[in-house]
Each structure stands twice: as structure tokens, then as C-alpha cells.
C-alpha atoms as a PDB file:
ATOM      1  CA  MET A   1    -147.088-116.816-142.245  1.00  0.00           C
ATOM      2  CA  LYS A   2    -150.626-116.154-141.123  1.00  0.00           C
ATOM      3  CA  CYS A   3    -150.911-114.040-137.984  1.00  0.00           C
ATOM      4  CA  VAL A   4    -153.272-115.573-135.442  1.00  0.00           C
ATOM      5  CA  PHE A   5    -153.520-113.535-132.297  1.00  0.00           C
ATOM      6  CA  PRO A   6    -153.174-115.206-128.912  1.00  0.00           C
ATOM      7  CA  ALA A   7    -156.170-117.148-127.703  1.00  0.00           C
ATOM      8  CA  VAL A   8    -155.108-116.518-124.111  1.00  0.00           C
ATOM      9  CA  GLY A   9    -152.679-114.287-122.291  1.00  0.00           C
ATOM     10  CA  LEU A  10    -152.845-111.254-124.591  1.00  0.00           C
ATOM     11  CA  ALA A  11    -156.293-109.719-124.898  1.00  0.00           C
ATOM     12  CA  PHE A  12    -156.871-107.382-127.829  1.00  0.00           C
ATOM     13  CA  ALA A  13    -158.903-104.222-128.159  1.00  0.00           C
ATOM     14  CA  VAL A  14    -160.183-103.147-131.560  1.00  0.00           C
ATOM     15  CA  PHE A  15    -160.045 -99.480-132.558  1.00  0.00           C
ATOM     16  CA  SER A  16    -162.919 -99.366-135.036  1.00  0.00           C
ATOM     17  CA  VAL A  17    -162.832 -97.080-138.059  1.00  0.00           C
ATOM     18  CA  HIS A  18    -166.292 -97.440-139.638  1.00  0.00           C
ATOM     19  CA  ALA A  19    -165.694-100.683-141.519  1.00  0.00           C
ATOM     20  CA  ALA A  20    -164.511-104.067-140.319  1.00  0.00           C
ATOM     21  CA  ASP A  21    -161.646-104.085-142.803  1.00  0.00           C
ATOM     22  CA  ARG A  22    -160.343-100.917-141.199  1.00  0.00           C
ATOM     23  CA  ASP A  23    -160.033-102.271-137.687  1.00  0.00           C
ATOM     24  CA  LEU A  24    -156.750-101.786-135.889  1.00  0.00           C
ATOM     25  CA  GLN A  25    -156.054-104.460-133.264  1.00  0.00           C
ATOM     26  CA  LEU A  26    -153.808-103.840-130.260  1.00  0.00           C
ATOM     27  CA  PRO A  27    -153.485-105.394-126.790  1.00  0.00           C
ATOM     28  CA  ASP A  28    -155.953-103.811-124.380  1.00  0.00           C
ATOM     29  CA  GLN A  29    -153.242-103.423-121.706  1.00  0.00           C
ATOM     30  CA  LEU A  30    -149.783-101.981-122.285  1.00  0.00           C
ATOM     31  CA  GLN A  31    -146.854-101.487-119.918  1.00  0.00           C
ATOM     32  CA  GLN A  32    -143.294-100.225-119.945  1.00  0.00           C
ATOM     33  CA  GLY A  33    -140.828-102.734-121.395  1.00  0.00           C
ATOM     34  CA  GLN A  34    -143.407-104.503-123.559  1.00  0.00           C
ATOM     35  CA  LEU A  35    -143.079-105.750-127.121  1.00  0.00           C
ATOM     36  CA  VAL A  36    -146.459-104.824-128.577  1.00  0.00           C
ATOM     37  CA  VAL A  37    -147.846-107.125-131.270  1.00  0.00           C
ATOM     38  CA  GLY A  38    -150.680-105.652-133.299  1.00  0.00           C
ATOM     39  CA  HIS A  39    -152.644-106.166-136.494  1.00  0.00           C
ATOM     40  CA  ALA A  40    -153.251-103.471-139.110  1.00  0.00           C
ATOM     41  CA  PRO A  41    -155.966-103.319-141.777  1.00  0.00           C
ATOM     42  CA  LYS A  42    -154.973-104.005-145.363  1.00  0.00           C
ATOM     43  CA  GLY A  43    -153.056-101.219-147.035  1.00  0.00           C
ATOM     44  CA  ALA A  44    -152.441 -99.231-143.847  1.00  0.00           C
ATOM     45  CA  LYS A  45    -149.186 -97.501-142.947  1.00  0.00           C
ATOM     46  CA  ILE A  46    -148.079 -97.071-139.341  1.00  0.00           C
ATOM     47  CA  GLU A  47    -145.529 -94.897-137.588  1.00  0.00           C
ATOM     48  CA  PHE A  48    -144.426 -95.083-133.974  1.00  0.00           C
ATOM     49  CA  ALA A  49    -141.810 -92.966-132.186  1.00  0.00           C
ATOM     50  CA  GLY A  50    -140.738 -91.436-135.486  1.00  0.00           C
ATOM     51  CA  ARG A  51    -140.168 -94.815-137.146  1.00  0.00           C
ATOM     52  CA  ARG A  52    -142.110 -96.316-140.021  1.00  0.00           C
ATOM     53  CA  VAL A  53    -143.295 -99.695-138.766  1.00  0.00           C
ATOM     54  CA  LEU A  54    -143.036-102.716-141.030  1.00  0.00           C
ATOM     55  CA  ILE A  55    -146.380-104.433-141.634  1.00  0.00           C
ATOM     56  CA  GLY A  56    -146.513-108.033-142.811  1.00  0.00           C
ATOM     57  CA  ASP A  57    -148.710-109.353-145.600  1.00  0.00           C
ATOM     58  CA  ASP A  58    -150.963-110.756-142.871  1.00  0.00           C
ATOM     59  CA  GLY A  59    -151.211-107.334-141.199  1.00  0.00           C
ATOM     60  CA  VAL A  60    -148.961-108.144-138.237  1.00  0.00           C
ATOM     61  CA  PHE A  61    -146.703-105.423-136.851  1.00  0.00           C
ATOM     62  CA  VAL A  62    -144.687-104.875-133.682  1.00  0.00           C
ATOM     63  CA  PHE A  63    -143.183-102.007-131.736  1.00  0.00           C
ATOM     64  CA  GLY A  64    -141.411-101.670-128.413  1.00  0.00           C
ATOM     65  CA  LEU A  65    -142.150 -99.642-125.286  1.00  0.00           C
ATOM     66  CA  GLY A  66    -139.017 -98.645-123.397  1.00  0.00           C
ATOM     67  CA  ARG A  67    -138.248 -99.055-119.707  1.00  0.00           C
ATOM     68  CA  ASP A  68    -139.281 -95.463-118.963  1.00  0.00           C
ATOM     69  CA  ALA A  69    -141.916 -94.964-121.664  1.00  0.00           C
ATOM     70  CA  PRO A  70    -144.296 -92.088-120.853  1.00  0.00           C
ATOM     71  CA  ALA A  71    -147.854 -92.629-119.659  1.00  0.00           C
ATOM     72  CA  GLU A  72    -149.134 -91.855-123.168  1.00  0.00           C
ATOM     73  CA  GLU A  73    -147.710 -92.432-126.636  1.00  0.00           C
ATOM     74  CA  LYS A  74    -149.242 -91.942-130.068  1.00  0.00           C
ATOM     75  CA  LEU A  75    -149.446 -94.497-132.837  1.00  0.00           C
ATOM     76  CA  HIS A  76    -150.015 -92.834-136.198  1.00  0.00           C
ATOM     77  CA  ILE A  77    -151.946 -94.837-138.777  1.00  0.00           C
ATOM     78  CA  ARG A  78    -152.789 -93.874-142.354  1.00  0.00           C
ATOM     79  CA  TYR A  79    -155.431 -96.000-144.044  1.00  0.00           C
ATOM     80  CA  SER A  80    -155.591 -97.145-147.641  1.00  0.00           C
ATOM     81  CA  ASN A  81    -158.256 -94.517-148.369  1.00  0.00           C
ATOM     82  CA  GLY A  82    -155.842 -91.734-147.368  1.00  0.00           C
ATOM     83  CA  LYS A  83    -157.457 -90.954-144.019  1.00  0.00           C
ATOM     84  CA  ALA A  84    -155.186 -90.792-140.973  1.00  0.00           C
ATOM     85  CA  ASN A  85    -155.617 -91.148-137.238  1.00  0.00           C
ATOM     86  CA  ASP A  86    -153.470 -90.890-134.094  1.00  0.00           C
ATOM     87  CA  VAL A  87    -154.249 -93.644-131.591  1.00  0.00           C
ATOM     88  CA  VAL A  88    -153.391 -92.640-128.024  1.00  0.00           C
ATOM     89  CA  LEU A  89    -151.780 -95.517-126.154  1.00  0.00           C
ATOM     90  CA  LYS A  90    -152.108 -95.689-122.365  1.00  0.00           C
ATOM     91  CA  ILE A  91    -148.950 -97.207-120.885  1.00  0.00           C
ATOM     92  CA  ALA A  92    -148.809 -98.547-117.330  1.00  0.00           C
ATOM     93  CA  LYS A  93    -145.849 -97.436-115.240  1.00  0.00           C
ATOM     94  CA  ARG A  94    -143.629-100.048-113.584  1.00  0.00           C
ATOM     95  CA  GLU A  95    -141.530 -99.791-110.445  1.00  0.00           C
ATOM     96  CA  TYR A  96    -137.922-100.964-110.577  1.00  0.00           C
ATOM     97  CA  GLU A  97    -135.859-101.957-107.563  1.00  0.00           C
ATOM     98  CA  THR A  98    -132.173-101.204-107.094  1.00  0.00           C
ATOM     99  CA  GLU A  99    -129.831-104.186-107.230  1.00  0.00           C
ATOM    100  CA  HIS A 100    -126.323-104.274-105.732  1.00  0.00           C
ATOM    101  CA  VAL A 101    -123.843-106.643-107.393  1.00  0.00           C
ATOM    102  CA  ASN A 102    -120.400-107.079-105.857  1.00  0.00           C
ATOM    103  CA  GLY A 103    -117.412-109.203-106.781  1.00  0.00           C
ATOM    104  CA  LEU A 104    -117.379-108.314-110.471  1.00  0.00           C
ATOM    105  CA  PRO A 105    -113.984-108.204-112.231  1.00  0.00           C
ATOM    106  CA  PRO A 106    -112.778-104.637-111.469  1.00  0.00           C
ATOM    107  CA  HIS A 107    -111.610-103.953-115.031  1.00  0.00           C
ATOM    108  CA  THR A 108    -115.164-104.543-116.299  1.00  0.00           C
ATOM    109  CA  VAL A 109    -116.611-101.937-113.931  1.00  0.00           C
ATOM    110  CA  THR A 110    -113.877 -99.287-114.015  1.00  0.00           C
ATOM    111  CA  PRO A 111    -111.963 -99.925-117.253  1.00  0.00           C
ATOM    112  CA  ASN A 112    -108.889 -97.908-118.124  1.00  0.00           C
ATOM    113  CA  PRO A 113    -109.122 -95.526-121.124  1.00  0.00           C
ATOM    114  CA  GLU A 114    -107.673 -98.012-123.598  1.00  0.00           C
ATOM    115  CA  LEU A 115    -110.016-100.795-122.501  1.00  0.00           C
ATOM    116  CA  MET A 116    -112.932 -98.355-122.586  1.00  0.00           C
ATOM    117  CA  LYS A 117    -112.214 -97.687-126.263  1.00  0.00           C
ATOM    118  CA  ARG A 118    -112.425-101.418-126.922  1.00  0.00           C
ATOM    119  CA  ILE A 119    -115.691-101.647-124.994  1.00  0.00           C
ATOM    120  CA  GLU A 120    -117.170 -98.828-127.092  1.00  0.00           C
ATOM    121  CA  ARG A 121    -116.123-100.596-130.308  1.00  0.00           C
ATOM    122  CA  GLU A 122    -117.745-103.801-129.109  1.00  0.00           C
ATOM    123  CA  ARG A 123    -120.923-101.956-128.126  1.00  0.00           C
ATOM    124  CA  ALA A 124    -121.080-100.445-131.612  1.00  0.00           C
ATOM    125  CA  ARG A 125    -120.808-103.886-133.189  1.00  0.00           C
ATOM    126  CA  VAL A 126    -123.673-105.200-131.082  1.00  0.00           C
ATOM    127  CA  ALA A 127    -125.765-102.080-131.825  1.00  0.00           C
ATOM    128  CA  GLU A 128    -125.198-102.579-135.553  1.00  0.00           C
ATOM    129  CA  THR A 129    -126.975-105.940-135.429  1.00  0.00           C
ATOM    130  CA  ARG A 130    -130.103-104.180-134.168  1.00  0.00           C
ATOM    131  CA  HIS A 131    -130.534-102.054-137.295  1.00  0.00           C
ATOM    132  CA  ARG A 132    -132.036-104.907-139.295  1.00  0.00           C
ATOM    133  CA  ASN A 133    -135.659-104.714-140.391  1.00  0.00           C
ATOM    134  CA  ASP A 134    -136.220-108.046-142.107  1.00  0.00           C
ATOM    135  CA  ALA A 135    -139.701-108.937-143.290  1.00  0.00           C
ATOM    136  CA  ARG A 136    -139.395-112.355-141.642  1.00  0.00           C
ATOM    137  CA  GLU A 137    -142.007-112.952-138.937  1.00  0.00           C
ATOM    138  CA  ASP A 138    -140.160-115.519-136.830  1.00  0.00           C
ATOM    139  CA  PHE A 139    -141.353-113.773-133.670  1.00  0.00           C
ATOM    140  CA  GLU A 140    -144.878-115.013-134.448  1.00  0.00           C
ATOM    141  CA  GLN A 141    -143.907-118.467-133.256  1.00  0.00           C
ATOM    142  CA  GLY A 142    -143.568-117.008-129.778  1.00  0.00           C
ATOM    143  CA  PHE A 143    -140.653-117.348-127.361  1.00  0.00           C
ATOM    144  CA  PHE A 144    -139.577-119.653-124.584  1.00  0.00           C
ATOM    145  CA  ASP A 145    -136.760-119.353-122.047  1.00  0.00           C
ATOM    146  CA  PRO A 146    -133.184-120.007-123.224  1.00  0.00           C
ATOM    147  CA  VAL A 147    -132.689-122.628-120.480  1.00  0.00           C
ATOM    148  CA  GLU A 148    -135.175-125.007-118.924  1.00  0.00           C
ATOM    149  CA  ASN A 149    -136.348-125.036-115.307  1.00  0.00           C
ATOM    150  CA  ALA A 150    -133.788-122.455-114.183  1.00  0.00           C
ATOM    151  CA  ARG A 151    -134.035-120.032-111.283  1.00  0.00           C
ATOM    152  CA  VAL A 152    -134.383-116.377-112.287  1.00  0.00           C
ATOM    153  CA  SER A 153    -131.520-114.593-110.515  1.00  0.00           C
ATOM    154  CA  GLY A 154    -131.794-111.117-112.039  1.00  0.00           C
ATOM    155  CA  LEU A 155    -134.772-109.106-113.243  1.00  0.00           C
ATOM    156  CA  TRP A 156    -135.003-106.731-116.176  1.00  0.00           C
ATOM    157  CA  GLY A 157    -135.074-102.975-115.602  1.00  0.00           C
ATOM    158  CA  ARG A 158    -133.491-102.871-112.145  1.00  0.00           C
ATOM    159  CA  GLN A 159    -131.077-100.042-111.419  1.00  0.00           C
ATOM    160  CA  ARG A 160    -127.641-101.607-110.988  1.00  0.00           C
ATOM    161  CA  ILE A 161    -124.940-100.739-108.481  1.00  0.00           C
ATOM    162  CA  ASP A 162    -121.888-102.738-109.582  1.00  0.00           C
ATOM    163  CA  ASN A 163    -118.994-102.985-107.116  1.00  0.00           C
ATOM    164  CA  GLY A 164    -120.479 -99.897-105.440  1.00  0.00           C
ATOM    165  CA  LYS A 165    -120.629 -97.903-108.694  1.00  0.00           C
ATOM    166  CA  PRO A 166    -124.011 -96.746-110.143  1.00  0.00           C
ATOM    167  CA  MET A 167    -124.440 -98.229-113.619  1.00  0.00           C
ATOM    168  CA  ALA A 168    -127.060 -98.391-116.362  1.00  0.00           C
ATOM    169  CA  PRO A 169    -130.223-100.413-115.673  1.00  0.00           C
ATOM    170  CA  HIS A 170    -130.032-104.170-116.049  1.00  0.00           C
ATOM    171  CA  PHE A 171    -131.486-104.837-119.491  1.00  0.00           C
ATOM    172  CA  GLY A 172    -131.716-108.585-119.258  1.00  0.00           C
ATOM    173  CA  LEU A 173    -133.331-111.516-117.502  1.00  0.00           C
ATOM    174  CA  ASP A 174    -130.758-113.662-115.691  1.00  0.00           C
ATOM    175  CA  PHE A 175    -131.001-117.424-115.138  1.00  0.00           C
ATOM    176  CA  ALA A 176    -128.713-119.114-112.594  1.00  0.00           C
ATOM    177  CA  VAL A 177    -127.420-122.324-114.173  1.00  0.00           C
ATOM    178  CA  PRO A 178    -124.235-124.435-113.915  1.00  0.00           C
ATOM    179  CA  ASN A 179    -121.346-123.749-116.234  1.00  0.00           C
ATOM    180  CA  GLY A 180    -121.818-125.625-119.515  1.00  0.00           C
ATOM    181  CA  THR A 181    -125.640-125.646-119.460  1.00  0.00           C
ATOM    182  CA  PRO A 182    -126.985-125.780-123.058  1.00  0.00           C
ATOM    183  CA  ILE A 183    -128.611-122.541-124.249  1.00  0.00           C
ATOM    184  CA  ARG A 184    -131.551-122.787-126.647  1.00  0.00           C
ATOM    185  CA  ALA A 185    -132.646-120.455-129.434  1.00  0.00           C
ATOM    186  CA  THR A 186    -135.748-118.923-127.858  1.00  0.00           C
ATOM    187  CA  ALA A 187    -137.479-118.481-131.237  1.00  0.00           C
ATOM    188  CA  PRO A 188    -136.561-119.102-134.878  1.00  0.00           C
ATOM    189  CA  GLY A 189    -134.177-116.544-136.315  1.00  0.00           C
ATOM    190  CA  VAL A 190    -130.944-115.626-138.036  1.00  0.00           C
ATOM    191  CA  VAL A 191    -127.650-115.332-136.146  1.00  0.00           C
ATOM    192  CA  THR A 192    -126.333-111.784-136.611  1.00  0.00           C
ATOM    193  CA  LEU A 193    -123.431-111.971-134.144  1.00  0.00           C
ATOM    194  CA  ALA A 194    -121.610-114.920-132.564  1.00  0.00           C
ATOM    195  CA  GLU A 195    -118.355-114.107-130.844  1.00  0.00           C
ATOM    196  CA  MET A 196    -116.307-114.993-127.801  1.00  0.00           C
ATOM    197  CA  GLY A 197    -114.036-112.712-125.794  1.00  0.00           C
ATOM    198  CA  MET A 198    -115.913-109.433-125.495  1.00  0.00           C
ATOM    199  CA  VAL A 199    -114.945-107.418-122.419  1.00  0.00           C
ATOM    200  CA  LEU A 200    -118.403-107.033-120.880  1.00  0.00           C
ATOM    201  CA  ASN A 201    -120.448-109.623-122.756  1.00  0.00           C
ATOM    202  CA  GLY A 202    -117.896-112.414-122.888  1.00  0.00           C
ATOM    203  CA  GLY A 203    -119.371-114.928-125.313  1.00  0.00           C
ATOM    204  CA  ILE A 204    -122.361-113.413-127.114  1.00  0.00           C
ATOM    205  CA  VAL A 205    -124.987-114.587-129.603  1.00  0.00           C
ATOM    206  CA  VAL A 206    -127.534-112.240-131.178  1.00  0.00           C
ATOM    207  CA  LEU A 207    -130.556-113.653-133.032  1.00  0.00           C
ATOM    208  CA  ASP A 208    -132.736-111.578-135.344  1.00  0.00           C
ATOM    209  CA  HIS A 209    -136.418-112.586-135.433  1.00  0.00           C
ATOM    210  CA  GLY A 210    -137.698-110.092-138.014  1.00  0.00           C
ATOM    211  CA  HIS A 211    -139.399-106.679-137.854  1.00  0.00           C
ATOM    212  CA  GLY A 212    -136.578-105.293-135.689  1.00  0.00           C
ATOM    213  CA  VAL A 213    -137.036-107.900-132.937  1.00  0.00           C
ATOM    214  CA  SER A 214    -133.837-109.491-131.648  1.00  0.00           C
ATOM    215  CA  THR A 215    -132.729-111.494-128.632  1.00  0.00           C
ATOM    216  CA  THR A 216    -129.256-111.794-127.124  1.00  0.00           C
ATOM    217  CA  THR A 217    -127.532-114.212-124.771  1.00  0.00           C
ATOM    218  CA  ILE A 218    -124.210-113.317-123.163  1.00  0.00           C
ATOM    219  CA  HIS A 219    -121.559-114.628-120.721  1.00  0.00           C
ATOM    220  CA  MET A 220    -121.397-117.852-122.755  1.00  0.00           C
ATOM    221  CA  SER A 221    -118.547-120.344-122.308  1.00  0.00           C
ATOM    222  CA  ARG A 222    -118.942-121.796-125.817  1.00  0.00           C
ATOM    223  CA  ILE A 223    -120.689-120.802-129.035  1.00  0.00           C
ATOM    224  CA  ASP A 224    -122.035-123.415-131.450  1.00  0.00           C
ATOM    225  CA  VAL A 225    -123.438-121.165-134.209  1.00  0.00           C
ATOM    226  CA  LYS A 226    -122.014-118.611-136.612  1.00  0.00           C
ATOM    227  CA  ALA A 227    -123.177-115.313-138.104  1.00  0.00           C
ATOM    228  CA  GLY A 228    -125.617-115.770-140.992  1.00  0.00           C
ATOM    229  CA  GLN A 229    -126.834-119.149-139.772  1.00  0.00           C
ATOM    230  CA  LYS A 230    -130.577-119.804-139.583  1.00  0.00           C
ATOM    231  CA  VAL A 231    -131.751-121.497-136.396  1.00  0.00           C
ATOM    232  CA  LYS A 232    -134.969-123.157-135.343  1.00  0.00           C
ATOM    233  CA  GLN A 233    -136.612-122.635-131.996  1.00  0.00           C
ATOM    234  CA  GLY A 234    -134.894-124.952-129.513  1.00  0.00           C
ATOM    235  CA  ASP A 235    -131.625-125.314-131.428  1.00  0.00           C
ATOM    236  CA  ILE A 236    -128.591-125.200-129.125  1.00  0.00           C
ATOM    237  CA  VAL A 237    -126.608-122.013-129.767  1.00  0.00           C
ATOM    238  CA  GLY A 238    -123.911-122.618-127.139  1.00  0.00           C
ATOM    239  CA  LEU A 239    -123.202-123.189-123.459  1.00  0.00           C
ATOM    240  CA  ALA A 240    -123.671-121.053-120.365  1.00  0.00           C
ATOM    241  CA  GLY A 241    -120.660-119.601-118.596  1.00  0.00           C
ATOM    242  CA  ALA A 242    -119.324-116.686-116.584  1.00  0.00           C
ATOM    243  CA  THR A 243    -117.364-114.816-119.235  1.00  0.00           C
ATOM    244  CA  GLY A 244    -117.264-111.024-119.355  1.00  0.00           C
ATOM    245  CA  ARG A 245    -118.729-108.960-116.510  1.00  0.00           C
ATOM    246  CA  ALA A 246    -120.115-111.739-114.343  1.00  0.00           C
ATOM    247  CA  THR A 247    -119.667-113.075-110.815  1.00  0.00           C
ATOM    248  CA  GLY A 248    -120.615-116.645-111.651  1.00  0.00           C
ATOM    249  CA  PRO A 249    -122.164-118.862-114.343  1.00  0.00           C
ATOM    250  CA  HIS A 250    -125.566-117.724-115.576  1.00  0.00           C
ATOM    251  CA  VAL A 251    -127.453-116.863-118.756  1.00  0.00           C
ATOM    252  CA  HIS A 252    -128.214-113.189-119.379  1.00  0.00           C
ATOM    253  CA  TRP A 253    -131.092-113.043-121.881  1.00  0.00           C
ATOM    254  CA  ALA A 254    -131.904-109.683-123.481  1.00  0.00           C
ATOM    255  CA  ALA A 255    -134.474-108.578-126.061  1.00  0.00           C
ATOM    256  CA  ASN A 256    -134.778-105.531-128.282  1.00  0.00           C
ATOM    257  CA  TRP A 257    -137.007-103.787-130.782  1.00  0.00           C
ATOM    258  CA  PHE A 258    -134.261-102.089-132.776  1.00  0.00           C
ATOM    259  CA  ASP A 259    -132.385-100.059-130.125  1.00  0.00           C
ATOM    260  CA  VAL A 260    -135.231-100.198-127.580  1.00  0.00           C
ATOM    261  CA  PRO A 261    -134.551-102.729-124.781  1.00  0.00           C
ATOM    262  CA  ILE A 262    -137.556-104.971-124.124  1.00  0.00           C
ATOM    263  CA  ASP A 263    -138.283-107.111-121.074  1.00  0.00           C
ATOM    264  CA  PRO A 264    -137.860-110.757-122.173  1.00  0.00           C
ATOM    265  CA  ALA A 265    -140.397-111.768-119.521  1.00  0.00           C
ATOM    266  CA  LEU A 266    -143.039-109.863-121.516  1.00  0.00           C
ATOM    267  CA  LEU A 267    -142.296-111.440-124.890  1.00  0.00           C
ATOM    268  CA  PRO A 268    -145.224-113.404-126.321  1.00  0.00           C
ATOM    269  CA  LYS A 269    -144.876-117.054-125.372  1.00  0.00           C
ATOM    270  CA  SER A 270    -145.139-119.965-127.766  1.00  0.00           C
ATOM    271  CA  SER A 271    -148.280-121.055-125.941  1.00  0.00           C
ATOM    272  CA  ASP A 272    -149.884-117.611-126.393  1.00  0.00           C
ATOM    273  CA  PHE A 273    -150.388-118.053-130.121  1.00  0.00           C
ATOM    274  CA  ALA A 274    -153.268-120.188-131.338  1.00  0.00           C
ATOM    275  CA  LYS A 275    -152.609-122.362-134.346  1.00  0.00           C
ATOM    276  CA  ALA A 276    -154.038-121.220-137.638  1.00  0.00           C
ATOM    277  CA  PRO A 277    -157.216-123.100-138.574  1.00  0.00           C
END
């Protein structure tokens, strides 16, 4: 797939290295929680946060900035001629509100030791899906919301207080929808996990979009796909529900770059990418 950078919405700065074929392209504005889409010159190698970054044949690469990423990070690039350079990335800080959620099933907030062991096993299974580093570039089609015209009822990154107990930040974007609302694949991908009955997640579907990018929907009442299945953008993967740790029917949509949670609201949109000439 040819990488064509967004015509609108994501402006790019070029870090010039003498010759045009050695230009590194990155967005000119970065913030915490962002999936960064860049373009590398031919033959370059890139490392970020201690990880070798996969670069497509078209030069596209991605990396994720965490919720609390520092004000500066370094992107290490080695060019085909052997020369290397550290690009200093300036990352804008975000402010996150605290959100109180009451009425959750008590066993999902304060599980007993035996249930906690099950929760840890389920977390490990979900984490395993985020180790993939496929060369597919499905993320280049851009993303849209998993449900149409829905009210956003929960923002990404907020500190959560569940049933009065401080919890981890909310790493998802919530959409308030009726039970049984169809959930769409937000971009093309491969199903890496599709399972009902998890303690916290309830019904869960994880889609891998290549280069370590994945998206997840949870609290589903029904799942219509299976692990290993390829899906197109817009395919129905299941129905919304209130399974797992939830107070009512909604869609919790999460995104990751490997194990780094990404704000789904900052994913590149389908409309951001210009069509190849």
C-alpha cells in the first residue's frame, strides 16, 4: 500500500538531512496519547523507546506516545549511508479530569483472591495479542468510530474512582448506546481475540491493524467474529452490551501501540488520508 499523508488534519514537518531522499516526515504537533504516523527515507532504521520500529516498503512507520509521556522524547534514526541522528520530539502535556463511577458490580471492583487470579490470567491473554508486529498497514486506511452518531459518555485518560475506590486511568473512549447496537470494525484488520465472559471486559474483540497498532471493544453482548478472521472496515464484529465491569450498555473502545495505550480520539481518521494519485 502506498502511504499518502493526510491532506488535512495532520500537518507534517520535515527534518531535512541534506538530500531530499533523506527527509524524515513527522507531524508538526505531538501530544500525550497520540499514535504518531511518520514517513522514513529509503533504507533508514528507526528506534523509539528502546523498540525497533517497523518501516513499510512505502516508508510509513508508527509509534505511540503514552498518557504521561514526558515533554521530550528522542527518535533515533540511522540512514542508509550509516549516519545516525537523534530527533528530539516535543510532546504537549494534557490535563486529565477525575471521574467517579458508582454502581459497578462489587466483585469487579474488589474481587476476592481467587477471582483476582482469573482476572490476571485474562489480562495476560489480552496483553499477548498486543505483541504482534505484522507488516500489514491496515491502519493507513484510517479509523472511524465503532458506532454511529453515539454520545461520548467517557473520555480516555481520566483518573477513575470506581465505587469509591481509586483505580487505573480509563484507557478507552466510551459511547452510550442501547443494548444490541451493532459494533463496526473501525479499520481493516485481523481478529486476535474474540471471547465472551471475561470478568472485567465481558465480551471482548481485539483487532490487529499492523505495525503494533490494535483496537479493542469490550462489554459486548454478542460476538460475530472469531480469532484469525480478517475483517474489512465497517464489518459488524458484534453487539453492544453491559457485560463485565459496566453500569449500563455502552461501547468501550480502546487503542494500543503494542502495550502503550493510545487515545482512540486521536487516531487518524479515514477522511484524513488523501487518496493516492
